[in-house]
Amino acid sequence: MKKHLCGILLASASLLTLGACSSDSSSAKNESAKTEWVSLFNGKNLDGWTAKFNGIPVGENYKDTFRVEDGLLTVSYDNWDGFEDDRFGHLFTNKSYSNYRIRVEYRFIGEQVTNDPKYSWAYRNNGVMLNSPPAESMGLDQPFPISAEAQLLGGNGVDERTTGNFCSPSTHIIQNGKLIKKHCLTSSSKTFHGDQWVWFEAEVKADGSVKHFINDELVFEYSEMQIDPSDPWGKKWLDQGNPLKVTKGHISVQAETHPTQFRTIEIKQLD
């Protein structure tokens, strides 16, 4: 009887152990799934994205500027005769994100669509706009979305020009305990000339802290992204009852006069 009882207890213990292992394995798989990189671009079309150009109704991909060519998300000005005054464009994710890492592989190609000195700053210039309101929230004549812009720049073949910088459309940030109101701040990155592919990655935490990486090197960081109440678009957003501090939002890429290609656009949710 004792032997029989011991056998039952041992069998039960084994089943419990196997059950626990199975549960742990399932949990591990679920955690692993949460931390995998997920592509935001399917390589075929612009499904999951919405375009908004300054002066153009939301959803209209003006002159087919954002397109897919050879599996690459491409900003093309083939259909433009010249750059129309401040007709900047942004391509937004339809989903909003919080507490994540975003990475893109990008390069600049071809020639800038305009020779107007007014837009010399936009030469080999694009950006990944972080924590934006949805495309539908933008005013018809709003040139840039409220966001923290991770500015992507290419070199001219001679001069130093960092990338992974920061610009602040309608926003402010905190750095070293101080409120920063300057519009653009340079990173510590190297300069990348020509049409070479470059990796940009940002870690965007739910507490408002953000880090920029170029080719896996930390080049810029800040905290507490917040709305600029003195900016007309920022004030309008706050007047609608939205919070001052920004901890989540949509992601967008730019069309700012220079042809650009994106080979990878991926996101990974953080715990």
Protein backbone atom coordinates (compact mmCIF):
# COMPACT_ATOMS: atom_id res chain seq x y z
CA MET A 1 0.00 0.00 0.00
CA LYS A 2 2.81 2.39 0.90
CA LYS A 3 4.61 1.55 -2.34
CA HIS A 4 1.42 2.12 -4.32
CA LEU A 5 0.80 5.46 -2.58
CA CYS A 6 4.39 6.60 -3.22
CA GLY A 7 3.98 5.75 -6.89
CA ILE A 8 0.82 7.86 -7.12
CA LEU A 9 2.52 10.80 -5.38
CA LEU A 10 5.57 10.57 -7.64
CA ALA A 11 3.41 10.45 -10.77
CA SER A 12 1.39 13.45 -9.57
CA ALA A 13 4.57 15.41 -8.85
CA SER A 14 5.88 14.60 -12.31
CA LEU A 15 2.68 15.83 -13.94
CA LEU A 16 2.80 19.05 -11.90
CA THR A 17 6.42 19.59 -12.90
CA LEU A 18 5.63 18.99 -16.56
CA GLY A 19 2.66 21.34 -16.32
CA ALA A 20 4.81 24.04 -14.76
CA CYS A 21 7.46 23.59 -17.45
CA SER A 22 4.81 23.75 -20.15
CA SER A 23 3.38 26.93 -18.59
CA ASP A 24 6.86 28.47 -18.33
CA SER A 25 7.58 27.55 -21.94
CA SER A 26 4.32 29.14 -23.07
CA SER A 27 5.07 32.29 -21.08
CA ALA A 28 8.57 32.46 -22.53
CA LYS A 29 7.16 32.20 -26.04
CA ASN A 30 4.66 34.97 -25.31
CA GLU A 31 7.41 37.20 -23.90
CA SER A 32 9.61 36.43 -26.89
CA ALA A 33 6.79 37.37 -29.27
CA LYS A 34 6.46 40.71 -27.51
CA THR A 35 10.10 41.54 -28.10
CA GLU A 36 10.41 40.52 -31.76
CA TRP A 37 10.98 43.12 -34.47
CA VAL A 38 7.87 43.66 -36.59
CA SER A 39 8.03 45.29 -40.01
CA LEU A 40 5.82 48.36 -40.49
CA PHE A 41 6.36 48.27 -44.25
CA ASN A 42 5.28 45.25 -46.30
CA GLY A 43 7.56 45.92 -49.29
CA LYS A 44 4.63 45.89 -51.71
CA ASN A 45 2.40 48.90 -51.09
CA LEU A 46 1.54 51.62 -48.57
CA ASP A 47 -1.07 49.64 -46.65
CA GLY A 48 -1.03 50.68 -42.99
CA TRP A 49 0.18 54.19 -43.80
CA THR A 50 -1.53 57.55 -44.47
CA ALA A 51 -0.02 60.51 -46.34
CA LYS A 52 -0.47 64.17 -45.41
CA PHE A 53 1.03 67.03 -47.46
CA ASN A 54 0.94 70.69 -46.52
CA GLY A 55 -2.07 72.30 -48.22
CA ILE A 56 -3.44 68.93 -49.40
CA PRO A 57 -6.29 66.95 -47.76
CA VAL A 58 -5.23 64.08 -45.55
CA GLY A 59 -4.95 60.74 -47.32
CA GLU A 60 -3.92 62.13 -50.72
CA ASN A 61 -0.48 60.89 -51.74
CA TYR A 62 0.35 64.06 -53.66
CA LYS A 63 1.92 63.33 -57.08
CA ASP A 64 2.62 59.77 -55.99
CA THR A 65 5.56 61.08 -53.95
CA PHE A 66 5.54 58.16 -51.50
CA ARG A 67 5.76 54.92 -53.44
CA VAL A 68 7.19 51.42 -53.47
CA GLU A 69 9.99 50.79 -55.95
CA ASP A 70 11.87 47.48 -56.08
CA GLY A 71 10.60 46.65 -52.60
CA LEU A 72 11.85 49.94 -51.14
CA LEU A 73 9.72 52.66 -49.58
CA THR A 74 10.76 55.60 -51.76
CA VAL A 75 10.31 59.36 -51.57
CA SER A 76 10.32 60.32 -55.26
CA TYR A 77 9.98 63.69 -57.00
CA ASP A 78 9.80 62.29 -60.54
CA ASN A 79 6.34 63.83 -61.00
CA TRP A 80 7.32 67.28 -59.71
CA ASP A 81 8.38 70.09 -62.08
CA GLY A 82 9.84 71.92 -59.08
CA PHE A 83 9.19 72.20 -55.38
CA GLU A 84 5.96 74.00 -54.58
CA ASP A 85 6.16 76.45 -51.70
CA ASP A 86 6.48 74.52 -48.42
CA ARG A 87 4.68 71.47 -49.84
CA PHE A 88 6.28 69.18 -47.27
CA GLY A 89 4.82 65.71 -46.85
CA HIS A 90 4.67 63.03 -44.16
CA LEU A 91 3.68 59.38 -44.31
CA PHE A 92 2.10 58.27 -41.01
CA THR A 93 1.59 54.86 -39.49
CA ASN A 94 -2.11 54.24 -38.96
CA LYS A 95 -1.36 52.80 -35.52
CA SER A 96 -0.17 54.63 -32.42
CA TYR A 97 2.72 53.28 -30.33
CA SER A 98 4.15 53.66 -26.85
CA ASN A 99 7.24 52.20 -25.18
CA TYR A 100 9.05 50.85 -28.22
CA ARG A 101 12.18 50.75 -30.34
CA ILE A 102 11.97 51.86 -33.96
CA ARG A 103 14.70 51.22 -36.52
CA VAL A 104 15.02 52.24 -40.14
CA GLU A 105 17.63 51.63 -42.80
CA TYR A 106 17.77 54.62 -45.13
CA ARG A 107 19.78 56.29 -47.87
CA PHE A 108 19.59 59.46 -49.95
CA ILE A 109 19.60 59.20 -53.73
CA GLY A 110 19.49 61.49 -56.76
CA GLU A 111 19.21 65.25 -56.76
CA GLN A 112 17.16 67.63 -54.65
CA VAL A 113 14.03 68.73 -56.49
CA THR A 114 14.77 72.44 -55.96
CA ASN A 115 17.76 74.77 -56.25
CA ASP A 116 16.04 77.51 -54.27
CA PRO A 117 18.49 78.70 -51.54
CA LYS A 118 15.47 78.90 -49.23
CA TYR A 119 15.55 75.10 -49.04
CA SER A 120 19.28 74.53 -48.88
CA TRP A 121 18.79 73.09 -45.38
CA ALA A 122 16.63 70.31 -46.91
CA TYR A 123 19.46 68.89 -49.04
CA ARG A 124 19.74 65.18 -48.20
CA ASN A 125 17.32 65.71 -45.35
CA ASN A 126 14.59 63.42 -44.07
CA GLY A 127 13.33 62.42 -40.65
CA VAL A 128 11.53 59.91 -38.48
CA MET A 129 8.82 61.78 -36.61
CA LEU A 130 8.14 60.24 -33.19
CA ASN A 131 5.03 60.40 -30.97
CA SER A 132 2.88 62.38 -33.41
CA PRO A 133 -0.89 62.82 -33.27
CA PRO A 134 -2.63 60.99 -36.14
CA ALA A 135 -2.42 62.31 -39.69
CA GLU A 136 -6.13 63.22 -39.51
CA SER A 137 -5.41 65.70 -36.72
CA MET A 138 -3.17 67.91 -38.86
CA GLY A 139 -4.49 71.23 -40.15
CA LEU A 140 -4.80 71.60 -43.92
CA ASP A 141 -1.94 74.13 -43.98
CA GLN A 142 0.15 72.60 -41.19
CA PRO A 143 3.63 71.94 -42.64
CA PHE A 144 4.95 69.58 -39.93
CA PRO A 145 3.21 67.31 -37.42
CA ILE A 146 3.59 67.87 -33.69
CA SER A 147 6.41 65.45 -32.92
CA ALA A 148 9.96 64.78 -31.81
CA GLU A 149 11.84 64.59 -35.09
CA ALA A 150 14.83 62.31 -35.38
CA GLN A 151 16.49 64.22 -38.20
CA LEU A 152 18.31 62.15 -40.84
CA LEU A 153 20.96 63.98 -42.88
CA GLY A 154 23.42 62.99 -45.59
CA GLY A 155 26.80 64.57 -46.26
CA ASN A 156 27.69 66.66 -49.32
CA GLY A 157 30.94 64.81 -49.92
CA VAL A 158 33.11 67.42 -48.21
CA ASP A 159 31.75 68.93 -45.00
CA GLU A 160 30.89 67.25 -41.72
CA ARG A 161 27.16 66.83 -41.17
CA THR A 162 25.81 64.71 -38.34
CA THR A 163 22.69 62.55 -38.56
CA GLY A 164 20.31 61.24 -35.91
CA ASN A 165 19.86 64.84 -34.76
CA PHE A 166 16.81 66.24 -32.98
CA CYS A 167 14.28 68.84 -34.15
CA SER A 168 11.13 69.94 -32.36
CA PRO A 169 8.02 70.76 -34.41
CA SER A 170 5.66 72.29 -31.81
CA THR A 171 7.50 70.58 -28.93
CA HIS A 172 10.14 71.04 -26.24
CA ILE A 173 12.35 68.50 -24.43
CA ILE A 174 14.35 68.20 -21.21
CA GLN A 175 18.11 67.67 -21.36
CA ASN A 176 20.35 67.56 -18.30
CA GLY A 177 17.44 68.81 -16.18
CA LYS A 178 16.85 71.89 -18.37
CA LEU A 179 13.94 72.77 -20.64
CA ILE A 180 15.32 73.01 -24.20
CA LYS A 181 13.46 75.34 -26.57
CA LYS A 182 15.99 75.38 -29.41
CA HIS A 183 14.45 73.97 -32.57
CA CYS A 184 17.28 71.67 -33.72
CA LEU A 185 20.17 70.05 -31.84
CA THR A 186 23.04 68.10 -33.38
CA SER A 187 24.03 64.59 -32.41
CA SER A 188 27.50 63.13 -31.94
CA SER A 189 27.29 60.92 -35.03
CA LYS A 190 29.73 60.53 -37.90
CA THR A 191 29.03 62.01 -41.35
CA PHE A 192 27.74 59.68 -44.08
CA HIS A 193 28.46 60.87 -47.62
CA GLY A 194 27.06 59.49 -50.85
CA ASP A 195 24.27 56.98 -51.29
CA GLN A 196 25.33 54.52 -48.58
CA TRP A 197 22.79 52.77 -46.39
CA VAL A 198 22.66 53.92 -42.75
CA TRP A 199 20.87 52.42 -39.74
CA PHE A 200 18.94 54.71 -37.43
CA GLU A 201 17.29 53.41 -34.26
CA ALA A 202 15.38 55.14 -31.47
CA GLU A 203 14.39 53.86 -28.05
CA VAL A 204 11.18 55.65 -27.07
CA LYS A 205 10.16 54.93 -23.48
CA ALA A 206 6.73 55.43 -21.93
CA ASP A 207 8.31 57.72 -19.32
CA GLY A 208 9.21 60.20 -22.08
CA SER A 209 12.91 59.39 -22.39
CA VAL A 210 14.31 58.89 -25.90
CA LYS A 211 17.67 57.69 -27.23
CA HIS A 212 18.94 57.94 -30.82
CA PHE A 213 21.40 55.41 -32.27
CA ILE A 214 23.26 55.48 -35.59
CA ASN A 215 24.73 52.15 -36.70
CA ASP A 216 24.30 50.91 -33.09
CA GLU A 217 26.12 53.90 -31.53
CA LEU A 218 24.29 56.13 -29.06
CA VAL A 219 24.42 59.67 -30.51
CA PHE A 220 21.68 61.65 -28.74
CA GLU A 221 19.29 61.38 -25.79
CA TYR A 222 16.68 63.43 -23.98
CA SER A 223 13.61 63.15 -21.77
CA GLU A 224 10.12 64.55 -21.19
CA MET A 225 8.95 65.44 -24.67
CA GLN A 226 6.20 68.04 -24.23
CA ILE A 227 3.98 70.35 -26.23
CA ASP A 228 5.19 73.90 -26.85
CA PRO A 229 2.25 76.05 -25.63
CA SER A 230 3.61 79.11 -27.47
CA ASP A 231 3.44 77.35 -30.84
CA PRO A 232 0.11 77.87 -32.68
CA TRP A 233 -0.33 74.18 -33.50
CA GLY A 234 0.83 73.16 -30.04
CA LYS A 235 -1.58 75.57 -28.37
CA LYS A 236 -4.45 74.28 -30.49
CA TRP A 237 -3.61 70.70 -29.47
CA LEU A 238 -3.54 71.63 -25.79
CA ASP A 239 -6.79 73.61 -26.09
CA GLN A 240 -8.45 70.39 -27.26
CA GLY A 241 -7.72 68.90 -23.83
CA ASN A 242 -4.62 66.89 -24.69
CA PRO A 243 -1.87 66.52 -22.06
CA LEU A 244 1.26 68.67 -22.00
CA LYS A 245 3.66 65.71 -21.84
CA VAL A 246 3.80 63.29 -24.75
CA THR A 247 4.47 59.59 -24.15
CA LYS A 248 2.89 57.92 -27.18
CA GLY A 249 1.84 58.57 -30.75
CA HIS A 250 2.19 57.76 -34.42
CA ILE A 251 5.40 57.49 -36.44
CA SER A 252 5.99 59.16 -39.80
CA VAL A 253 8.70 59.64 -42.41
CA GLN A 254 9.18 62.83 -44.40
CA ALA A 255 9.19 64.17 -47.94
CA GLU A 256 11.28 67.35 -47.67
CA THR A 257 12.56 67.92 -51.24
CA HIS A 258 15.27 65.21 -51.49
CA PRO A 259 14.65 61.68 -52.83
CA THR A 260 15.10 59.07 -50.09
CA GLN A 261 14.76 55.31 -49.83
CA PHE A 262 13.94 53.12 -46.83
CA ARG A 263 14.91 49.46 -46.98
CA THR A 264 13.80 48.58 -43.44
CA ILE A 265 11.21 50.08 -41.09
CA GLU A 266 10.67 47.91 -38.00
CA ILE A 267 9.31 48.29 -34.50
CA LYS A 268 9.76 46.28 -31.31
CA GLN A 269 7.54 46.71 -28.28
CA LEU A 270 9.36 47.04 -24.96
CA ASP A 271 8.18 45.39 -21.73
